[in-house]
Amino acid sequence: MENQTVQLPATRPVQQDADDEINLLDLLIVLGKHKKMIVGVTFFVALLAIGSSLLMPKIYTATARILPPQQSQSSATALLNQLGGLAGMAGSSLGIKNPNDLYVAMLESRSLMEKIVKRFDLQKVYEQETMTDTLKVLENSTAFNSGKDGVISVEVSDKDPQLAANIANAFIEELNTLMQTYSLTDASQKRTFFEQQLRQAKDRLTNAELVLDKTPNTSLEYLDAIRNLKYQEAVWEIIAKQFEMSKMDEAKDFPLIQVLDKAIPPEKKSKPKRSLIVILATLVAFFLAVIWAFIKEALSRPGANSEQAARIQELRRVFRWHT
């Protein structure tokens, strides 16, 4: 009979499973040993979070939504583009880009913020000593967002829901006033500019006519005088139309922003979110208590394992713990 070698099954996986079971049991034992501390700390922090959240003042957020005027070409610019050539080149400088970012910047400007502060006497309401401190509080209480759909939202948070709504609506009113002022000023400047250019063009046209009258019609200078006269007439005609359209732009009503949603006093608070505060505080306290339980257990048995003892000594040295 041939000798047969009998191979014994490997015992390492069994031993590994046993070690895992022992480690798991050790963890449960540590948790059970320090359960009073874990439960006590978690319960105490939960109560503290509940009490703190209840003491926090209710904050209400009022929101207003506006649609800025779609910036179209002015009458003068439209006319210049129709004339083409030289006129089109002159009118291209009057084009205006997407205004949404500009409107948000106007809402965030210090001048507009100061008007809001003075209008509602916020320095007294916020109990601040200086205008600068009051503006900081107002900035932290407001948010301006421009959506992809072109709608700008104005959000104001305050302990008083009515005041929050009033301030949000006031931002829109002040923005509207500011836009009108800038629009009228811009139109007035354009009208003044074209008026001066028209006066100069008229003088040049008159000089060209005088030169043509004094030039014999049989000379080459006569042809140059005719060409110059026609050129001056074309320039005068363009500027005259620019001037007339700029007067129309100055006289007409400028487009106002459209209020999609006027701010109303909110019925529900926006913060604090008490349930979220309590849940997060309780979870953090529970995990910290568990971690401390394992650390405390390890510190109480440093001699059980030489390698573990060395690690604990290193931990003590790093954090400068003294026992």
C-alpha atoms as a PDB file:
ATOM      1  CA  MET A   1       0.000   0.000   0.000  1.00  0.00           C
ATOM      2  CA  GLU A   2       1.331   3.343  -0.971  1.00  0.00           C
ATOM      3  CA  ASN A   3       1.957   5.943   1.662  1.00  0.00           C
ATOM      4  CA  GLN A   4      -0.600   8.695   1.444  1.00  0.00           C
ATOM      5  CA  THR A   5      -0.036  12.096   2.917  1.00  0.00           C
ATOM      6  CA  VAL A   6      -3.038  13.444   4.683  1.00  0.00           C
ATOM      7  CA  GLN A   7      -3.309  17.217   4.520  1.00  0.00           C
ATOM      8  CA  LEU A   8      -4.958  18.886   7.465  1.00  0.00           C
ATOM      9  CA  PRO A   9      -7.301  21.742   6.697  1.00  0.00           C
ATOM     10  CA  ALA A  10      -5.917  25.181   7.279  1.00  0.00           C
ATOM     11  CA  THR A  11      -6.910  26.620  10.598  1.00  0.00           C
ATOM     12  CA  ARG A  12      -5.979  30.249   9.923  1.00  0.00           C
ATOM     13  CA  PRO A  13      -9.400  31.330   8.608  1.00  0.00           C
ATOM     14  CA  VAL A  14     -11.057  29.746  11.605  1.00  0.00           C
ATOM     15  CA  GLN A  15      -8.604  31.439  13.879  1.00  0.00           C
ATOM     16  CA  GLN A  16      -9.155  34.718  12.035  1.00  0.00           C
ATOM     17  CA  ASP A  17     -12.932  34.425  12.454  1.00  0.00           C
ATOM     18  CA  ALA A  18     -12.433  33.734  16.139  1.00  0.00           C
ATOM     19  CA  ASP A  19     -10.212  36.768  16.484  1.00  0.00           C
ATOM     20  CA  ASP A  20     -12.796  38.918  14.700  1.00  0.00           C
ATOM     21  CA  GLU A  21     -15.507  37.605  16.984  1.00  0.00           C
ATOM     22  CA  ILE A  22     -13.364  38.299  20.028  1.00  0.00           C
ATOM     23  CA  ASN A  23     -12.584  41.831  18.820  1.00  0.00           C
ATOM     24  CA  LEU A  24     -16.259  42.508  18.227  1.00  0.00           C
ATOM     25  CA  LEU A  25     -17.081  41.180  21.659  1.00  0.00           C
ATOM     26  CA  ASP A  26     -14.371  43.395  23.147  1.00  0.00           C
ATOM     27  CA  LEU A  27     -15.910  46.426  21.483  1.00  0.00           C
ATOM     28  CA  LEU A  28     -19.338  45.572  22.834  1.00  0.00           C
ATOM     29  CA  ILE A  29     -17.886  44.974  26.283  1.00  0.00           C
ATOM     30  CA  VAL A  30     -16.225  48.411  26.252  1.00  0.00           C
ATOM     31  CA  LEU A  31     -19.468  50.046  25.168  1.00  0.00           C
ATOM     32  CA  GLY A  32     -21.402  48.215  27.845  1.00  0.00           C
ATOM     33  CA  LYS A  33     -18.836  49.089  30.489  1.00  0.00           C
ATOM     34  CA  HIS A  34     -19.083  52.823  29.723  1.00  0.00           C
ATOM     35  CA  LYS A  35     -22.734  52.913  28.722  1.00  0.00           C
ATOM     36  CA  LYS A  36     -23.712  55.218  31.561  1.00  0.00           C
ATOM     37  CA  MET A  37     -21.119  57.785  30.514  1.00  0.00           C
ATOM     38  CA  ILE A  38     -22.079  57.530  26.820  1.00  0.00           C
ATOM     39  CA  VAL A  39     -25.802  57.807  27.496  1.00  0.00           C
ATOM     40  CA  GLY A  40     -25.310  60.558  30.071  1.00  0.00           C
ATOM     41  CA  VAL A  41     -23.134  62.729  27.841  1.00  0.00           C
ATOM     42  CA  THR A  42     -25.417  62.239  24.852  1.00  0.00           C
ATOM     43  CA  PHE A  43     -28.532  63.021  26.867  1.00  0.00           C
ATOM     44  CA  PHE A  44     -26.943  66.079  28.483  1.00  0.00           C
ATOM     45  CA  VAL A  45     -25.800  67.514  25.144  1.00  0.00           C
ATOM     46  CA  ALA A  46     -29.231  66.827  23.623  1.00  0.00           C
ATOM     47  CA  LEU A  47     -30.904  68.749  26.444  1.00  0.00           C
ATOM     48  CA  LEU A  48     -28.362  71.551  26.078  1.00  0.00           C
ATOM     49  CA  ALA A  49     -29.003  71.724  22.317  1.00  0.00           C
ATOM     50  CA  ILE A  50     -32.761  71.831  22.874  1.00  0.00           C
ATOM     51  CA  GLY A  51     -32.433  74.635  25.406  1.00  0.00           C
ATOM     52  CA  SER A  52     -30.026  76.622  23.241  1.00  0.00           C
ATOM     53  CA  SER A  53     -32.185  76.269  20.126  1.00  0.00           C
ATOM     54  CA  LEU A  54     -35.245  77.430  22.046  1.00  0.00           C
ATOM     55  CA  LEU A  55     -33.383  80.529  23.211  1.00  0.00           C
ATOM     56  CA  MET A  56     -32.380  81.452  19.646  1.00  0.00           C
ATOM     57  CA  PRO A  57     -34.597  84.184  18.188  1.00  0.00           C
ATOM     58  CA  LYS A  58     -36.820  83.323  15.266  1.00  0.00           C
ATOM     59  CA  ILE A  59     -35.611  84.729  11.971  1.00  0.00           C
ATOM     60  CA  TYR A  60     -38.004  85.358   9.089  1.00  0.00           C
ATOM     61  CA  THR A  61     -36.925  85.745   5.461  1.00  0.00           C
ATOM     62  CA  ALA A  62     -38.991  87.810   3.020  1.00  0.00           C
ATOM     63  CA  THR A  63     -38.349  87.456  -0.707  1.00  0.00           C
ATOM     64  CA  ALA A  64     -39.150  89.764  -3.600  1.00  0.00           C
ATOM     65  CA  ARG A  65     -38.545  88.854  -7.233  1.00  0.00           C
ATOM     66  CA  ILE A  66     -38.067  91.326 -10.057  1.00  0.00           C
ATOM     67  CA  LEU A  67     -37.528  91.168 -13.783  1.00  0.00           C
ATOM     68  CA  PRO A  68     -35.130  93.897 -14.943  1.00  0.00           C
ATOM     69  CA  PRO A  69     -36.044  95.761 -18.131  1.00  0.00           C
ATOM     70  CA  GLN A  70     -34.750  93.985 -21.159  1.00  0.00           C
ATOM     71  CA  GLN A  71     -32.223  96.517 -22.371  1.00  0.00           C
ATOM     72  CA  SER A  72     -33.189  97.287 -25.950  1.00  0.00           C
ATOM     73  CA  GLN A  73     -31.588  99.684 -28.375  1.00  0.00           C
ATOM     74  CA  SER A  74     -32.471 103.327 -27.996  1.00  0.00           C
ATOM     75  CA  SER A  75     -34.259 105.130 -30.800  1.00  0.00           C
ATOM     76  CA  ALA A  76     -31.039 106.807 -31.842  1.00  0.00           C
ATOM     77  CA  THR A  77     -29.102 103.548 -31.989  1.00  0.00           C
ATOM     78  CA  ALA A  78     -31.834 101.827 -34.000  1.00  0.00           C
ATOM     79  CA  LEU A  79     -31.882 104.692 -36.482  1.00  0.00           C
ATOM     80  CA  LEU A  80     -28.102 104.712 -36.822  1.00  0.00           C
ATOM     81  CA  ASN A  81     -28.016 100.996 -37.556  1.00  0.00           C
ATOM     82  CA  GLN A  82     -30.610 101.517 -40.275  1.00  0.00           C
ATOM     83  CA  LEU A  83     -28.485 104.225 -41.852  1.00  0.00           C
ATOM     84  CA  GLY A  84     -25.552 101.791 -42.009  1.00  0.00           C
ATOM     85  CA  GLY A  85     -21.904 102.553 -42.758  1.00  0.00           C
ATOM     86  CA  LEU A  86     -20.537 105.492 -40.836  1.00  0.00           C
ATOM     87  CA  ALA A  87     -23.716 105.876 -38.807  1.00  0.00           C
ATOM     88  CA  GLY A  88     -23.666 102.224 -37.781  1.00  0.00           C
ATOM     89  CA  MET A  89     -20.097 102.570 -36.541  1.00  0.00           C
ATOM     90  CA  ALA A  90     -21.060 105.615 -34.500  1.00  0.00           C
ATOM     91  CA  GLY A  91     -24.073 103.939 -32.956  1.00  0.00           C
ATOM     92  CA  SER A  92     -22.306 100.717 -31.989  1.00  0.00           C
ATOM     93  CA  SER A  93     -20.686 102.517 -29.077  1.00  0.00           C
ATOM     94  CA  LEU A  94     -24.118 103.031 -27.505  1.00  0.00           C
ATOM     95  CA  GLY A  95     -24.920  99.319 -27.164  1.00  0.00           C
ATOM     96  CA  ILE A  96     -25.623  98.054 -23.645  1.00  0.00           C
ATOM     97  CA  LYS A  97     -24.787  94.570 -22.329  1.00  0.00           C
ATOM     98  CA  ASN A  98     -26.874  92.254 -20.169  1.00  0.00           C
ATOM     99  CA  PRO A  99     -27.802  94.448 -17.189  1.00  0.00           C
ATOM    100  CA  ASN A 100     -28.459  91.793 -14.536  1.00  0.00           C
ATOM    101  CA  ASP A 101     -24.976  91.902 -13.013  1.00  0.00           C
ATOM    102  CA  LEU A 102     -25.131  95.679 -13.025  1.00  0.00           C
ATOM    103  CA  TYR A 103     -28.454  95.690 -11.188  1.00  0.00           C
ATOM    104  CA  VAL A 104     -27.142  93.320  -8.526  1.00  0.00           C
ATOM    105  CA  ALA A 105     -24.112  95.580  -8.071  1.00  0.00           C
ATOM    106  CA  MET A 106     -26.445  98.565  -7.691  1.00  0.00           C
ATOM    107  CA  LEU A 107     -28.418  96.716  -5.014  1.00  0.00           C
ATOM    108  CA  GLU A 108     -25.200  95.931  -3.160  1.00  0.00           C
ATOM    109  CA  SER A 109     -23.807  99.463  -3.459  1.00  0.00           C
ATOM    110  CA  ARG A 110     -23.077 101.425  -0.304  1.00  0.00           C
ATOM    111  CA  SER A 111     -25.126 104.408  -1.454  1.00  0.00           C
ATOM    112  CA  LEU A 112     -28.281 102.329  -1.838  1.00  0.00           C
ATOM    113  CA  MET A 113     -27.625 100.467   1.421  1.00  0.00           C
ATOM    114  CA  GLU A 114     -27.267 103.766   3.278  1.00  0.00           C
ATOM    115  CA  LYS A 115     -30.630 104.913   1.925  1.00  0.00           C
ATOM    116  CA  ILE A 116     -32.218 101.745   3.340  1.00  0.00           C
ATOM    117  CA  VAL A 117     -30.526 102.296   6.707  1.00  0.00           C
ATOM    118  CA  LYS A 118     -31.748 105.885   6.953  1.00  0.00           C
ATOM    119  CA  ARG A 119     -35.217 105.058   5.653  1.00  0.00           C
ATOM    120  CA  PHE A 120     -35.887 102.486   8.405  1.00  0.00           C
ATOM    121  CA  ASP A 121     -33.555 103.927  11.053  1.00  0.00           C
ATOM    122  CA  LEU A 122     -31.747 100.582  11.109  1.00  0.00           C
ATOM    123  CA  GLN A 123     -28.896 101.935  13.179  1.00  0.00           C
ATOM    124  CA  LYS A 124     -31.342 102.129  16.065  1.00  0.00           C
ATOM    125  CA  VAL A 125     -33.155  98.914  15.146  1.00  0.00           C
ATOM    126  CA  TYR A 126     -29.917  96.913  14.948  1.00  0.00           C
ATOM    127  CA  GLU A 127     -28.547  98.715  18.021  1.00  0.00           C
ATOM    128  CA  GLN A 128     -25.279  99.693  16.324  1.00  0.00           C
ATOM    129  CA  GLU A 129     -23.112 102.678  17.145  1.00  0.00           C
ATOM    130  CA  THR A 130     -21.786 103.491  13.676  1.00  0.00           C
ATOM    131  CA  MET A 131     -23.086 103.464  10.124  1.00  0.00           C
ATOM    132  CA  THR A 132     -20.343 101.037   9.096  1.00  0.00           C
ATOM    133  CA  ASP A 133     -21.418  98.449  11.678  1.00  0.00           C
ATOM    134  CA  THR A 134     -25.049  98.909  10.680  1.00  0.00           C
ATOM    135  CA  LEU A 135     -24.205  98.338   7.016  1.00  0.00           C
ATOM    136  CA  LYS A 136     -22.387  95.116   7.923  1.00  0.00           C
ATOM    137  CA  VAL A 137     -25.450  93.819   9.750  1.00  0.00           C
ATOM    138  CA  LEU A 138     -27.657  94.758   6.811  1.00  0.00           C
ATOM    139  CA  GLU A 139     -25.303  93.075   4.334  1.00  0.00           C
ATOM    140  CA  ASN A 140     -25.334  89.874   6.392  1.00  0.00           C
ATOM    141  CA  SER A 141     -29.130  89.989   6.490  1.00  0.00           C
ATOM    142  CA  THR A 142     -29.620  90.378   2.736  1.00  0.00           C
ATOM    143  CA  ALA A 143     -28.970  88.239  -0.317  1.00  0.00           C
ATOM    144  CA  PHE A 144     -29.273  89.176  -3.989  1.00  0.00           C
ATOM    145  CA  ASN A 145     -29.308  86.417  -6.601  1.00  0.00           C
ATOM    146  CA  SER A 146     -29.585  86.561 -10.368  1.00  0.00           C
ATOM    147  CA  GLY A 147     -31.051  83.391 -11.848  1.00  0.00           C
ATOM    148  CA  LYS A 148     -30.439  81.907 -15.268  1.00  0.00           C
ATOM    149  CA  ASP A 149     -33.978  82.901 -16.217  1.00  0.00           C
ATOM    150  CA  GLY A 150     -33.061  86.577 -15.744  1.00  0.00           C
ATOM    151  CA  VAL A 151     -35.070  87.009 -12.550  1.00  0.00           C
ATOM    152  CA  ILE A 152     -33.362  88.780  -9.635  1.00  0.00           C
ATOM    153  CA  SER A 153     -34.416  87.809  -6.114  1.00  0.00           C
ATOM    154  CA  VAL A 154     -34.044  90.061  -3.083  1.00  0.00           C
ATOM    155  CA  GLU A 155     -34.026  88.212   0.252  1.00  0.00           C
ATOM    156  CA  VAL A 156     -34.067  90.005   3.601  1.00  0.00           C
ATOM    157  CA  SER A 157     -33.956  88.252   6.978  1.00  0.00           C
ATOM    158  CA  ASP A 158     -35.044  89.805  10.261  1.00  0.00           C
ATOM    159  CA  LYS A 159     -36.669  88.953  13.574  1.00  0.00           C
ATOM    160  CA  ASP A 160     -39.662  91.062  12.519  1.00  0.00           C
ATOM    161  CA  PRO A 161     -41.405  89.529   9.464  1.00  0.00           C
ATOM    162  CA  GLN A 162     -43.093  92.805   8.556  1.00  0.00           C
ATOM    163  CA  LEU A 163     -39.816  94.717   8.673  1.00  0.00           C
ATOM    164  CA  ALA A 164     -38.133  92.047   6.520  1.00  0.00           C
ATOM    165  CA  ALA A 165     -40.844  92.426   3.874  1.00  0.00           C
ATOM    166  CA  ASN A 166     -40.722  96.233   4.014  1.00  0.00           C
ATOM    167  CA  ILE A 167     -36.948  96.297   3.571  1.00  0.00           C
ATOM    168  CA  ALA A 168     -37.078  93.869   0.631  1.00  0.00           C
ATOM    169  CA  ASN A 169     -39.663  96.017  -1.137  1.00  0.00           C
ATOM    170  CA  ALA A 170     -37.701  99.164  -0.288  1.00  0.00           C
ATOM    171  CA  PHE A 171     -34.637  97.751  -2.051  1.00  0.00           C
ATOM    172  CA  ILE A 172     -36.685  97.446  -5.238  1.00  0.00           C
ATOM    173  CA  GLU A 173     -38.091 100.968  -4.884  1.00  0.00           C
ATOM    174  CA  GLU A 174     -34.639 102.476  -4.320  1.00  0.00           C
ATOM    175  CA  LEU A 175     -33.236 100.495  -7.250  1.00  0.00           C
ATOM    176  CA  ASN A 176     -36.018 101.826  -9.464  1.00  0.00           C
ATOM    177  CA  THR A 177     -35.269 105.412  -8.401  1.00  0.00           C
ATOM    178  CA  LEU A 178     -31.550 104.928  -8.968  1.00  0.00           C
ATOM    179  CA  MET A 179     -32.135 103.478 -12.428  1.00  0.00           C
ATOM    180  CA  GLN A 180     -34.326 106.407 -13.425  1.00  0.00           C
ATOM    181  CA  THR A 181     -31.694 108.890 -12.258  1.00  0.00           C
ATOM    182  CA  TYR A 182     -28.909 107.199 -14.209  1.00  0.00           C
ATOM    183  CA  SER A 183     -31.086 106.757 -17.308  1.00  0.00           C
ATOM    184  CA  LEU A 184     -32.151 110.412 -17.378  1.00  0.00           C
ATOM    185  CA  THR A 185     -28.577 111.570 -16.806  1.00  0.00           C
ATOM    186  CA  ASP A 186     -27.295 109.362 -19.642  1.00  0.00           C
ATOM    187  CA  ALA A 187     -30.000 110.559 -22.036  1.00  0.00           C
ATOM    188  CA  SER A 188     -29.327 114.178 -21.130  1.00  0.00           C
ATOM    189  CA  GLN A 189     -25.620 113.768 -21.777  1.00  0.00           C
ATOM    190  CA  LYS A 190     -26.289 112.202 -25.171  1.00  0.00           C
ATOM    191  CA  ARG A 191     -28.639 115.028 -26.130  1.00  0.00           C
ATOM    192  CA  THR A 192     -26.076 117.652 -25.097  1.00  0.00           C
ATOM    193  CA  PHE A 193     -23.331 115.888 -27.031  1.00  0.00           C
ATOM    194  CA  PHE A 194     -25.371 115.610 -30.231  1.00  0.00           C
ATOM    195  CA  GLU A 195     -26.476 119.225 -29.865  1.00  0.00           C
ATOM    196  CA  GLN A 196     -22.857 120.380 -29.837  1.00  0.00           C
ATOM    197  CA  GLN A 197     -21.973 118.132 -32.763  1.00  0.00           C
ATOM    198  CA  LEU A 198     -24.959 119.428 -34.734  1.00  0.00           C
ATOM    199  CA  ARG A 199     -23.877 123.024 -34.168  1.00  0.00           C
ATOM    200  CA  GLN A 200     -20.362 122.253 -35.424  1.00  0.00           C
ATOM    201  CA  ALA A 201     -21.695 120.297 -38.408  1.00  0.00           C
ATOM    202  CA  LYS A 202     -23.923 123.238 -39.363  1.00  0.00           C
ATOM    203  CA  ASP A 203     -20.938 125.603 -39.276  1.00  0.00           C
ATOM    204  CA  ARG A 204     -18.917 123.260 -41.483  1.00  0.00           C
ATOM    205  CA  LEU A 205     -21.841 122.980 -43.925  1.00  0.00           C
ATOM    206  CA  THR A 206     -22.175 126.767 -44.114  1.00  0.00           C
ATOM    207  CA  ASN A 207     -18.452 127.117 -44.805  1.00  0.00           C
ATOM    208  CA  ALA A 208     -18.676 124.479 -47.535  1.00  0.00           C
ATOM    209  CA  GLU A 209     -21.530 126.407 -49.196  1.00  0.00           C
ATOM    210  CA  LEU A 210     -19.532 129.671 -49.073  1.00  0.00           C
ATOM    211  CA  VAL A 211     -16.501 127.979 -50.581  1.00  0.00           C
ATOM    212  CA  LEU A 212     -18.636 126.549 -53.390  1.00  0.00           C
ATOM    213  CA  ASP A 213     -20.120 129.980 -54.181  1.00  0.00           C
ATOM    214  CA  LYS A 214     -16.665 131.539 -54.464  1.00  0.00           C
ATOM    215  CA  THR A 215     -15.188 128.768 -56.631  1.00  0.00           C
ATOM    216  CA  PRO A 216     -15.493 129.050 -60.452  1.00  0.00           C
ATOM    217  CA  ASN A 217     -17.435 126.178 -61.906  1.00  0.00           C
ATOM    218  CA  THR A 218     -14.796 125.609 -64.581  1.00  0.00           C
ATOM    219  CA  SER A 219     -11.964 124.665 -62.183  1.00  0.00           C
ATOM    220  CA  LEU A 220     -10.989 121.414 -60.487  1.00  0.00           C
ATOM    221  CA  GLU A 221     -11.457 123.112 -57.120  1.00  0.00           C
ATOM    222  CA  TYR A 222     -15.150 123.402 -57.983  1.00  0.00           C
ATOM    223  CA  LEU A 223     -15.525 119.589 -58.078  1.00  0.00           C
ATOM    224  CA  ASP A 224     -13.725 119.268 -54.741  1.00  0.00           C
ATOM    225  CA  ALA A 225     -16.024 121.924 -53.271  1.00  0.00           C
ATOM    226  CA  ILE A 226     -19.104 120.009 -54.484  1.00  0.00           C
ATOM    227  CA  ARG A 227     -17.849 116.746 -52.975  1.00  0.00           C
ATOM    228  CA  ASN A 228     -17.067 118.497 -49.698  1.00  0.00           C
ATOM    229  CA  LEU A 229     -20.506 120.110 -49.647  1.00  0.00           C
ATOM    230  CA  LYS A 230     -22.243 116.756 -50.210  1.00  0.00           C
ATOM    231  CA  TYR A 231     -20.119 115.166 -47.494  1.00  0.00           C
ATOM    232  CA  GLN A 232     -20.920 117.918 -44.997  1.00  0.00           C
ATOM    233  CA  GLU A 233     -24.619 117.632 -45.882  1.00  0.00           C
ATOM    234  CA  ALA A 234     -24.549 113.861 -45.193  1.00  0.00           C
ATOM    235  CA  VAL A 235     -22.764 114.359 -41.871  1.00  0.00           C
ATOM    236  CA  TRP A 236     -25.183 117.097 -40.846  1.00  0.00           C
ATOM    237  CA  GLU A 237     -28.171 114.916 -41.739  1.00  0.00           C
ATOM    238  CA  ILE A 238     -26.892 111.994 -39.633  1.00  0.00           C
ATOM    239  CA  ILE A 239     -26.135 114.162 -36.607  1.00  0.00           C
ATOM    240  CA  ALA A 240     -29.450 115.998 -36.933  1.00  0.00           C
ATOM    241  CA  LYS A 241     -31.330 112.709 -36.787  1.00  0.00           C
ATOM    242  CA  GLN A 242     -29.190 111.604 -33.852  1.00  0.00           C
ATOM    243  CA  PHE A 243     -30.038 114.834 -32.070  1.00  0.00           C
ATOM    244  CA  GLU A 244     -33.779 114.465 -32.672  1.00  0.00           C
ATOM    245  CA  MET A 245     -33.804 110.869 -31.449  1.00  0.00           C
ATOM    246  CA  SER A 246     -31.742 111.724 -28.368  1.00  0.00           C
ATOM    247  CA  LYS A 247     -34.352 114.362 -27.463  1.00  0.00           C
ATOM    248  CA  MET A 248     -37.032 111.722 -27.804  1.00  0.00           C
ATOM    249  CA  ASP A 249     -35.075 109.345 -25.559  1.00  0.00           C
ATOM    250  CA  GLU A 250     -34.715 112.081 -22.960  1.00  0.00           C
ATOM    251  CA  ALA A 251     -38.408 112.928 -23.017  1.00  0.00           C
ATOM    252  CA  LYS A 252     -39.872 109.424 -23.015  1.00  0.00           C
ATOM    253  CA  ASP A 253     -40.547 107.331 -19.917  1.00  0.00           C
ATOM    254  CA  PHE A 254     -37.693 104.961 -19.241  1.00  0.00           C
ATOM    255  CA  PRO A 255     -38.557 101.294 -18.704  1.00  0.00           C
ATOM    256  CA  LEU A 256     -39.037 100.362 -15.075  1.00  0.00           C
ATOM    257  CA  ILE A 257     -38.311  97.036 -13.463  1.00  0.00           C
ATOM    258  CA  GLN A 258     -41.185  94.616 -13.306  1.00  0.00           C
ATOM    259  CA  VAL A 259     -42.064  93.239  -9.881  1.00  0.00           C
ATOM    260  CA  LEU A 260     -42.949  89.581 -10.295  1.00  0.00           C
ATOM    261  CA  ASP A 261     -43.427  88.837  -6.585  1.00  0.00           C
ATOM    262  CA  LYS A 262     -43.750  91.573  -4.018  1.00  0.00           C
ATOM    263  CA  ALA A 263     -42.346  90.671  -0.606  1.00  0.00           C
ATOM    264  CA  ILE A 264     -44.973  89.815   1.993  1.00  0.00           C
ATOM    265  CA  PRO A 265     -44.456  89.120   5.710  1.00  0.00           C
ATOM    266  CA  PRO A 266     -43.488  85.425   5.942  1.00  0.00           C
ATOM    267  CA  GLU A 267     -45.684  83.249   8.117  1.00  0.00           C
ATOM    268  CA  LYS A 268     -43.004  80.671   8.936  1.00  0.00           C
ATOM    269  CA  LYS A 269     -39.513  81.228  10.263  1.00  0.00           C
ATOM    270  CA  SER A 270     -36.524  80.440   8.070  1.00  0.00           C
ATOM    271  CA  LYS A 271     -34.169  79.748  10.976  1.00  0.00           C
ATOM    272  CA  PRO A 272     -33.042  78.466  13.367  1.00  0.00           C
ATOM    273  CA  LYS A 273     -33.764  74.888  12.296  1.00  0.00           C
ATOM    274  CA  ARG A 274     -34.127  73.542  15.815  1.00  0.00           C
ATOM    275  CA  SER A 275     -34.679  69.891  14.928  1.00  0.00           C
ATOM    276  CA  LEU A 276     -31.551  69.840  12.758  1.00  0.00           C
ATOM    277  CA  ILE A 277     -29.492  71.514  15.486  1.00  0.00           C
ATOM    278  CA  VAL A 278     -30.631  68.990  18.114  1.00  0.00           C
ATOM    279  CA  ILE A 279     -30.058  65.965  15.857  1.00  0.00           C
ATOM    280  CA  LEU A 280     -26.565  67.053  14.796  1.00  0.00           C
ATOM    281  CA  ALA A 281     -25.534  67.966  18.356  1.00  0.00           C
ATOM    282  CA  THR A 282     -26.817  64.615  19.695  1.00  0.00           C
ATOM    283  CA  LEU A 283     -25.002  62.576  17.035  1.00  0.00           C
ATOM    284  CA  VAL A 284     -21.738  64.449  17.538  1.00  0.00           C
ATOM    285  CA  ALA A 285     -21.978  64.025  21.327  1.00  0.00           C
ATOM    286  CA  PHE A 286     -22.687  60.283  20.957  1.00  0.00           C
ATOM    287  CA  PHE A 287     -19.708  59.649  18.674  1.00  0.00           C
ATOM    288  CA  LEU A 288     -17.367  61.724  20.844  1.00  0.00           C
ATOM    289  CA  ALA A 289     -18.533  59.853  23.948  1.00  0.00           C
ATOM    290  CA  VAL A 290     -17.894  56.489  22.243  1.00  0.00           C
ATOM    291  CA  ILE A 291     -14.419  57.578  21.153  1.00  0.00           C
ATOM    292  CA  TRP A 292     -13.636  58.779  24.669  1.00  0.00           C
ATOM    293  CA  ALA A 293     -14.846  55.464  26.087  1.00  0.00           C
ATOM    294  CA  PHE A 294     -12.347  53.517  23.976  1.00  0.00           C
ATOM    295  CA  ILE A 295      -9.548  55.959  24.790  1.00  0.00           C
ATOM    296  CA  LYS A 296     -10.308  55.714  28.498  1.00  0.00           C
ATOM    297  CA  GLU A 297     -10.384  51.918  28.299  1.00  0.00           C
ATOM    298  CA  ALA A 298      -7.049  51.839  26.497  1.00  0.00           C
ATOM    299  CA  LEU A 299      -5.463  54.188  29.040  1.00  0.00           C
ATOM    300  CA  SER A 300      -6.645  51.999  31.911  1.00  0.00           C
ATOM    301  CA  ARG A 301      -4.822  48.918  30.568  1.00  0.00           C
ATOM    302  CA  PRO A 302      -1.515  50.068  29.136  1.00  0.00           C
ATOM    303  CA  GLY A 303       0.436  46.976  30.281  1.00  0.00           C
ATOM    304  CA  ALA A 304      -1.679  44.410  28.461  1.00  0.00           C
ATOM    305  CA  ASN A 305       0.300  44.798  25.269  1.00  0.00           C
ATOM    306  CA  SER A 306       3.801  46.212  24.941  1.00  0.00           C
ATOM    307  CA  GLU A 307       3.119  47.621  21.494  1.00  0.00           C
ATOM    308  CA  GLN A 308      -0.121  49.217  22.693  1.00  0.00           C
ATOM    309  CA  ALA A 309       1.716  50.672  25.688  1.00  0.00           C
ATOM    310  CA  ALA A 310       4.310  52.241  23.391  1.00  0.00           C
ATOM    311  CA  ARG A 311       1.591  53.792  21.254  1.00  0.00           C
ATOM    312  CA  ILE A 312      -0.149  55.219  24.308  1.00  0.00           C
ATOM    313  CA  GLN A 313       3.122  56.698  25.538  1.00  0.00           C
ATOM    314  CA  GLU A 314       3.625  58.302  22.140  1.00  0.00           C
ATOM    315  CA  LEU A 315       0.055  59.632  22.254  1.00  0.00           C
ATOM    316  CA  ARG A 316       0.680  61.096  25.683  1.00  0.00           C
ATOM    317  CA  ARG A 317       3.857  62.731  24.493  1.00  0.00           C
ATOM    318  CA  VAL A 318       2.185  64.289  21.455  1.00  0.00           C
ATOM    319  CA  PHE A 319      -0.757  65.716  23.371  1.00  0.00           C
ATOM    320  CA  ARG A 320       1.268  66.265  26.542  1.00  0.00           C
ATOM    321  CA  TRP A 321      -1.023  64.276  28.756  1.00  0.00           C
ATOM    322  CA  HIS A 322       0.184  63.833  32.346  1.00  0.00           C
ATOM    323  CA  THR A 323      -0.939  60.955  34.520  1.00  0.00           C
END
